[in-house]
Amino acid sequence: MFVLVAALLLLGILLGAVAHVPLPLSLAAAAVIGCWLLIFAVRERASRRLR
């Protein structure tokens, strides 16, 4: 229960911060995070195929 409350609190803080940042900066940050997740997924998939 505490983990859920902490996660919701952190999400609220992050969304509140994004609301005050200019849109191009938010989109750039989203693109960087998306690329990072894509690279992570590709590396994980490649490592599982080698096993």
PDB file of N, CA and C in Angstrom:
ATOM      1  N   MET A   1       0.832  -1.190   0.000  1.00  0.00           N
ATOM      2  CA  MET A   1       0.000   0.000   0.000  1.00  0.00           C
ATOM      3  C   MET A   1       0.879   1.258   0.000  1.00  0.00           C
ATOM      4  N   PHE A   2       1.941   1.228   0.806  1.00  0.00           N
ATOM      5  CA  PHE A   2       2.829   2.383   0.857  1.00  0.00           C
ATOM      6  C   PHE A   2       3.538   2.602  -0.472  1.00  0.00           C
ATOM      7  N   VAL A   3       3.858   1.495  -1.153  1.00  0.00           N
ATOM      8  CA  VAL A   3       4.518   1.611  -2.460  1.00  0.00           C
ATOM      9  C   VAL A   3       3.588   2.281  -3.458  1.00  0.00           C
ATOM     10  N   LEU A   4       2.319   1.923  -3.428  1.00  0.00           N
ATOM     11  CA  LEU A   4       1.339   2.530  -4.327  1.00  0.00           C
ATOM     12  C   LEU A   4       1.190   4.023  -4.049  1.00  0.00           C
ATOM     13  N   VAL A   5       1.121   4.391  -2.806  1.00  0.00           N
ATOM     14  CA  VAL A   5       1.007   5.803  -2.441  1.00  0.00           C
ATOM     15  C   VAL A   5       2.255   6.567  -2.876  1.00  0.00           C
ATOM     16  N   ALA A   6       3.430   5.982  -2.677  1.00  0.00           N
ATOM     17  CA  ALA A   6       4.667   6.640  -3.079  1.00  0.00           C
ATOM     18  C   ALA A   6       4.737   6.790  -4.597  1.00  0.00           C
ATOM     19  N   ALA A   7       4.306   5.759  -5.321  1.00  0.00           N
ATOM     20  CA  ALA A   7       4.321   5.824  -6.782  1.00  0.00           C
ATOM     21  C   ALA A   7       3.369   6.904  -7.292  1.00  0.00           C
ATOM     22  N   LEU A   8       2.189   6.990  -6.721  1.00  0.00           N
ATOM     23  CA  LEU A   8       1.232   8.019  -7.127  1.00  0.00           C
ATOM     24  C   LEU A   8       1.731   9.415  -6.780  1.00  0.00           C
ATOM     25  N   LEU A   9       2.377   9.559  -5.653  1.00  0.00           N
ATOM     26  CA  LEU A   9       2.935  10.849  -5.254  1.00  0.00           C
ATOM     27  C   LEU A   9       4.045  11.264  -6.219  1.00  0.00           C
ATOM     28  N   LEU A  10       4.923  10.345  -6.546  1.00  0.00           N
ATOM     29  CA  LEU A  10       5.998  10.640  -7.489  1.00  0.00           C
ATOM     30  C   LEU A  10       5.450  10.973  -8.868  1.00  0.00           C
ATOM     31  N   LEU A  11       4.453  10.246  -9.314  1.00  0.00           N
ATOM     32  CA  LEU A  11       3.827  10.528 -10.602  1.00  0.00           C
ATOM     33  C   LEU A  11       3.200  11.918 -10.608  1.00  0.00           C
ATOM     34  N   GLY A  12       2.543  12.284  -9.534  1.00  0.00           N
ATOM     35  CA  GLY A  12       1.953  13.615  -9.438  1.00  0.00           C
ATOM     36  C   GLY A  12       2.987  14.716  -9.479  1.00  0.00           C
ATOM     37  N   ILE A  13       4.115  14.496  -8.817  1.00  0.00           N
ATOM     38  CA  ILE A  13       5.186  15.498  -8.830  1.00  0.00           C
ATOM     39  C   ILE A  13       5.763  15.638 -10.233  1.00  0.00           C
ATOM     40  N   LEU A  14       5.996  14.507 -10.898  1.00  0.00           N
ATOM     41  CA  LEU A  14       6.558  14.555 -12.247  1.00  0.00           C
ATOM     42  C   LEU A  14       5.597  15.212 -13.235  1.00  0.00           C
ATOM     43  N   LEU A  15       4.324  14.874 -13.158  1.00  0.00           N
ATOM     44  CA  LEU A  15       3.354  15.483 -14.066  1.00  0.00           C
ATOM     45  C   LEU A  15       3.190  16.965 -13.773  1.00  0.00           C
ATOM     46  N   GLY A  16       3.288  17.345 -12.532  1.00  0.00           N
ATOM     47  CA  GLY A  16       3.210  18.755 -12.184  1.00  0.00           C
ATOM     48  C   GLY A  16       4.403  19.527 -12.723  1.00  0.00           C
ATOM     49  N   ALA A  17       5.569  18.899 -12.696  1.00  0.00           N
ATOM     50  CA  ALA A  17       6.766  19.551 -13.224  1.00  0.00           C
ATOM     51  C   ALA A  17       6.676  19.702 -14.741  1.00  0.00           C
ATOM     52  N   VAL A  18       6.149  18.695 -15.412  1.00  0.00           N
ATOM     53  CA  VAL A  18       6.032  18.753 -16.875  1.00  0.00           C
ATOM     54  C   VAL A  18       5.034  19.832 -17.292  1.00  0.00           C
ATOM     55  N   ALA A  19       4.054  20.088 -16.481  1.00  0.00           N
ATOM     56  CA  ALA A  19       3.051  21.105 -16.828  1.00  0.00           C
ATOM     57  C   ALA A  19       3.663  22.508 -16.872  1.00  0.00           C
ATOM     58  N   HIS A  20       4.771  22.733 -16.185  1.00  0.00           N
ATOM     59  CA  HIS A  20       5.395  24.055 -16.141  1.00  0.00           C
ATOM     60  C   HIS A  20       6.574  24.198 -17.092  1.00  0.00           C
ATOM     61  N   VAL A  21       6.892  23.130 -17.807  1.00  0.00           N
ATOM     62  CA  VAL A  21       8.018  23.143 -18.750  1.00  0.00           C
ATOM     63  C   VAL A  21       7.457  23.433 -20.141  1.00  0.00           C
ATOM     64  N   PRO A  22       8.158  24.187 -20.965  1.00  0.00           N
ATOM     65  CA  PRO A  22       7.673  24.444 -22.327  1.00  0.00           C
ATOM     66  C   PRO A  22       7.472  23.144 -23.118  1.00  0.00           C
ATOM     67  N   LEU A  23       6.512  23.152 -24.020  1.00  0.00           N
ATOM     68  CA  LEU A  23       6.157  21.953 -24.785  1.00  0.00           C
ATOM     69  C   LEU A  23       7.329  21.368 -25.575  1.00  0.00           C
ATOM     70  N   PRO A  24       8.131  22.164 -26.294  1.00  0.00           N
ATOM     71  CA  PRO A  24       9.248  21.546 -27.026  1.00  0.00           C
ATOM     72  C   PRO A  24      10.236  20.807 -26.122  1.00  0.00           C
ATOM     73  N   LEU A  25      10.471  21.338 -24.935  1.00  0.00           N
ATOM     74  CA  LEU A  25      11.370  20.669 -23.998  1.00  0.00           C
ATOM     75  C   LEU A  25      10.761  19.360 -23.499  1.00  0.00           C
ATOM     76  N   SER A  26       9.468  19.362 -23.243  1.00  0.00           N
ATOM     77  CA  SER A  26       8.784  18.141 -22.816  1.00  0.00           C
ATOM     78  C   SER A  26       8.832  17.083 -23.914  1.00  0.00           C
ATOM     79  N   LEU A  27       8.612  17.500 -25.161  1.00  0.00           N
ATOM     80  CA  LEU A  27       8.645  16.547 -26.271  1.00  0.00           C
ATOM     81  C   LEU A  27      10.060  16.007 -26.489  1.00  0.00           C
ATOM     82  N   ALA A  28      11.065  16.852 -26.325  1.00  0.00           N
ATOM     83  CA  ALA A  28      12.450  16.393 -26.462  1.00  0.00           C
ATOM     84  C   ALA A  28      12.789  15.377 -25.367  1.00  0.00           C
ATOM     85  N   ALA A  29      12.380  15.653 -24.156  1.00  0.00           N
ATOM     86  CA  ALA A  29      12.631  14.719 -23.054  1.00  0.00           C
ATOM     87  C   ALA A  29      11.901  13.399 -23.288  1.00  0.00           C
ATOM     88  N   ALA A  30      10.667  13.475 -23.787  1.00  0.00           N
ATOM     89  CA  ALA A  30       9.911  12.259 -24.090  1.00  0.00           C
ATOM     90  C   ALA A  30      10.597  11.451 -25.184  1.00  0.00           C
ATOM     91  N   ALA A  31      11.146  12.129 -26.188  1.00  0.00           N
ATOM     92  CA  ALA A  31      11.850  11.430 -27.269  1.00  0.00           C
ATOM     93  C   ALA A  31      13.112  10.747 -26.743  1.00  0.00           C
ATOM     94  N   VAL A  32      13.849  11.415 -25.877  1.00  0.00           N
ATOM     95  CA  VAL A  32      15.063  10.816 -25.303  1.00  0.00           C
ATOM     96  C   VAL A  32      14.708   9.587 -24.474  1.00  0.00           C
ATOM     97  N   ILE A  33      13.679   9.697 -23.656  1.00  0.00           N
ATOM     98  CA  ILE A  33      13.263   8.563 -22.829  1.00  0.00           C
ATOM     99  C   ILE A  33      12.774   7.418 -23.704  1.00  0.00           C
ATOM    100  N   GLY A  34      12.019   7.731 -24.748  1.00  0.00           N
ATOM    101  CA  GLY A  34      11.536   6.697 -25.664  1.00  0.00           C
ATOM    102  C   GLY A  34      12.674   5.974 -26.368  1.00  0.00           C
ATOM    103  N   CYS A  35      13.681   6.709 -26.810  1.00  0.00           N
ATOM    104  CA  CYS A  35      14.848   6.090 -27.452  1.00  0.00           C
ATOM    105  C   CYS A  35      15.603   5.207 -26.466  1.00  0.00           C
ATOM    106  N   TRP A  36      15.742   5.690 -25.240  1.00  0.00           N
ATOM    107  CA  TRP A  36      16.422   4.906 -24.221  1.00  0.00           C
ATOM    108  C   TRP A  36      15.680   3.593 -23.966  1.00  0.00           C
ATOM    109  N   LEU A  37      14.358   3.646 -23.871  1.00  0.00           N
ATOM    110  CA  LEU A  37      13.574   2.432 -23.654  1.00  0.00           C
ATOM    111  C   LEU A  37      13.656   1.492 -24.849  1.00  0.00           C
ATOM    112  N   LEU A  38      13.666   2.040 -26.051  1.00  0.00           N
ATOM    113  CA  LEU A  38      13.776   1.218 -27.250  1.00  0.00           C
ATOM    114  C   LEU A  38      15.134   0.505 -27.294  1.00  0.00           C
ATOM    115  N   ILE A  39      16.202   1.222 -26.996  1.00  0.00           N
ATOM    116  CA  ILE A  39      17.535   0.610 -26.967  1.00  0.00           C
ATOM    117  C   ILE A  39      17.598  -0.471 -25.894  1.00  0.00           C
ATOM    118  N   PHE A  40      17.030  -0.194 -24.746  1.00  0.00           N
ATOM    119  CA  PHE A  40      17.007  -1.187 -23.666  1.00  0.00           C
ATOM    120  C   PHE A  40      16.267  -2.446 -24.096  1.00  0.00           C
ATOM    121  N   ALA A  41      15.105  -2.280 -24.743  1.00  0.00           N
ATOM    122  CA  ALA A  41      14.316  -3.433 -25.183  1.00  0.00           C
ATOM    123  C   ALA A  41      15.071  -4.254 -26.226  1.00  0.00           C
ATOM    124  N   VAL A  42      15.730  -3.586 -27.161  1.00  0.00           N
ATOM    125  CA  VAL A  42      16.486  -4.298 -28.194  1.00  0.00           C
ATOM    126  C   VAL A  42      17.647  -5.067 -27.564  1.00  0.00           C
ATOM    127  N   ARG A  43      18.346  -4.450 -26.625  1.00  0.00           N
ATOM    128  CA  ARG A  43      19.467  -5.134 -25.971  1.00  0.00           C
ATOM    129  C   ARG A  43      18.985  -6.326 -25.151  1.00  0.00           C
ATOM    130  N   GLU A  44      17.868  -6.182 -24.463  1.00  0.00           N
ATOM    131  CA  GLU A  44      17.322  -7.298 -23.687  1.00  0.00           C
ATOM    132  C   GLU A  44      16.908  -8.445 -24.598  1.00  0.00           C
ATOM    133  N   ARG A  45      16.265  -8.116 -25.705  1.00  0.00           N
ATOM    134  CA  ARG A  45      15.818  -9.156 -26.637  1.00  0.00           C
ATOM    135  C   ARG A  45      17.024  -9.875 -27.243  1.00  0.00           C
ATOM    136  N   ALA A  46      18.055  -9.136 -27.578  1.00  0.00           N
ATOM    137  CA  ALA A  46      19.264  -9.724 -28.165  1.00  0.00           C
ATOM    138  C   ALA A  46      19.970 -10.634 -27.147  1.00  0.00           C
ATOM    139  N   SER A  47      20.014 -10.209 -25.894  1.00  0.00           N
ATOM    140  CA  SER A  47      20.680 -11.034 -24.883  1.00  0.00           C
ATOM    141  C   SER A  47      19.899 -12.313 -24.608  1.00  0.00           C
ATOM    142  N   ARG A  48      18.595 -12.270 -24.717  1.00  0.00           N
ATOM    143  CA  ARG A  48      17.797 -13.487 -24.490  1.00  0.00           C
ATOM    144  C   ARG A  48      17.931 -14.461 -25.658  1.00  0.00           C
ATOM    145  N   ARG A  49      18.135 -13.948 -26.857  1.00  0.00           N
ATOM    146  CA  ARG A  49      18.301 -14.829 -28.007  1.00  0.00           C
ATOM    147  C   ARG A  49      19.622 -15.572 -27.966  1.00  0.00           C
ATOM    148  N   LEU A  50      20.648 -14.950 -27.371  1.00  0.00           N
ATOM    149  CA  LEU A  50      21.966 -15.577 -27.311  1.00  0.00           C
ATOM    150  C   LEU A  50      22.039 -16.704 -26.296  1.00  0.00           C
ATOM    151  N   ARG A  51      21.130 -16.742 -25.361  1.00  0.00           N
ATOM    152  CA  ARG A  51      21.158 -17.793 -24.321  1.00  0.00           C
ATOM    153  C   ARG A  51      20.634 -19.106 -24.838  1.00  0.00           C
TER     154      ARG A  51
END
